[in-house]
Amino acid sequence: MPPNPTTPLDNDFISESAMRRVLASLSLFTLIMTIPQVLTIWIGRRAAGVSLLSWSAYLISAVFWLWYGIRKRDRNIYLPCIGWITVDGAVILGVLFYG
């Protein structure tokens, strides 16, 4: 049975500005949570078990998201991508040097 057309769906459970703050916070949080991986590789000089293929896929994804975010002029997309490209690149270089 189709939904009642007179009953609007509640798409505004969270406001746009609140959603942007949550997304920005999560982007920062996930970047910070990745720093131990980078430190393990570069300070500990250990890259055993780190997948070059996986991190390369993450880097490629971040580059495309950066491109998309710039095209859309959406800072919530392209700013975190700059951080991810940096972190992904650091992990990839570490794997190449120490792996």
Protein backbone atom coordinates (compact mmCIF):
# COMPACT_ATOMS: atom_id res chain seq x y z
CA MET A 1 0.00 0.00 0.00
CA PRO A 2 1.50 3.38 -0.95
CA PRO A 3 2.11 5.95 1.79
CA ASN A 4 -0.53 8.56 2.47
CA PRO A 5 0.33 11.49 0.14
CA THR A 6 -1.02 13.99 2.66
CA THR A 7 1.42 12.88 5.36
CA PRO A 8 4.84 14.46 4.74
CA LEU A 9 7.91 12.44 5.57
CA ASP A 10 10.09 13.92 8.29
CA ASN A 11 13.25 14.58 6.28
CA ASP A 12 14.36 17.32 8.65
CA PHE A 13 15.18 15.08 11.59
CA ILE A 14 18.46 16.95 11.84
CA SER A 15 19.02 20.42 10.43
CA GLU A 16 21.40 21.05 7.54
CA SER A 17 23.81 23.04 9.71
CA ALA A 18 23.78 20.36 12.42
CA MET A 19 24.42 17.68 9.79
CA ARG A 20 27.38 19.66 8.42
CA ARG A 21 28.84 19.97 11.94
CA VAL A 22 28.40 16.24 12.56
CA LEU A 23 30.02 15.37 9.23
CA ALA A 24 32.93 17.73 9.85
CA SER A 25 33.45 16.28 13.32
CA LEU A 26 33.37 12.71 12.00
CA SER A 27 35.84 13.59 9.24
CA LEU A 28 38.24 15.03 11.77
CA PHE A 29 37.72 12.11 14.16
CA THR A 30 38.45 9.47 11.50
CA LEU A 31 41.57 11.32 10.37
CA ILE A 32 42.82 11.49 13.96
CA MET A 33 42.09 7.78 14.43
CA THR A 34 44.31 7.03 11.42
CA ILE A 35 47.33 8.89 12.78
CA PRO A 36 48.47 5.92 14.94
CA GLN A 37 48.79 3.85 11.74
CA VAL A 38 51.00 6.53 10.19
CA LEU A 39 53.09 6.82 13.37
CA THR A 40 53.54 3.05 13.61
CA ILE A 41 54.88 3.01 10.09
CA TRP A 42 57.11 6.10 10.18
CA ILE A 43 58.35 6.15 13.78
CA GLY A 44 58.32 2.40 14.39
CA ARG A 45 59.51 1.72 10.84
CA ARG A 46 57.09 -1.17 10.62
CA ALA A 47 54.67 -1.64 7.76
CA ALA A 48 54.10 -5.36 8.11
CA GLY A 49 50.49 -6.27 7.48
CA VAL A 50 49.59 -2.92 5.91
CA SER A 51 47.95 -3.43 2.54
CA LEU A 52 49.38 -1.27 -0.23
CA LEU A 53 46.41 -2.21 -2.40
CA SER A 54 43.84 -1.08 0.20
CA TRP A 55 45.55 2.22 0.96
CA SER A 56 46.02 2.91 -2.75
CA ALA A 57 42.29 2.38 -3.26
CA TYR A 58 41.60 4.81 -0.39
CA LEU A 59 43.91 7.36 -2.03
CA ILE A 60 42.24 7.03 -5.41
CA SER A 61 38.84 7.38 -3.77
CA ALA A 62 39.95 10.50 -1.88
CA VAL A 63 41.27 12.09 -5.09
CA PHE A 64 37.93 11.53 -6.83
CA TRP A 65 35.99 12.83 -3.81
CA LEU A 66 38.26 15.89 -3.76
CA TRP A 67 37.53 16.51 -7.42
CA TYR A 68 33.79 16.04 -6.85
CA GLY A 69 33.80 18.31 -3.78
CA ILE A 70 35.60 21.07 -5.66
CA ARG A 71 33.15 20.78 -8.55
CA LYS A 72 30.23 21.02 -6.12
CA ARG A 73 32.00 23.73 -4.11
CA ASP A 74 31.26 21.77 -0.95
CA ARG A 75 33.87 22.32 1.74
CA ASN A 76 32.51 19.38 3.77
CA ILE A 77 33.61 17.14 0.92
CA TYR A 78 36.85 18.60 -0.36
CA LEU A 79 38.54 19.75 2.85
CA PRO A 80 38.56 16.31 4.51
CA CYS A 81 39.80 14.85 1.22
CA ILE A 82 42.94 16.97 1.46
CA GLY A 83 43.61 15.41 4.85
CA TRP A 84 42.85 11.92 3.56
CA ILE A 85 45.12 12.33 0.55
CA THR A 86 47.90 13.38 2.92
CA VAL A 87 47.34 10.48 5.33
CA ASP A 88 46.87 7.91 2.56
CA GLY A 89 50.01 9.15 0.84
CA ALA A 90 51.99 8.91 4.09
CA VAL A 91 50.86 5.32 4.63
CA ILE A 92 51.60 4.34 1.03
CA LEU A 93 55.08 5.89 1.13
CA GLY A 94 55.72 4.20 4.47
CA VAL A 95 54.71 0.82 3.06
CA LEU A 96 57.02 1.36 0.08
CA PHE A 97 59.94 2.32 2.34
CA TYR A 98 59.44 -0.09 5.24
CA GLY A 99 57.18 -2.83 3.89
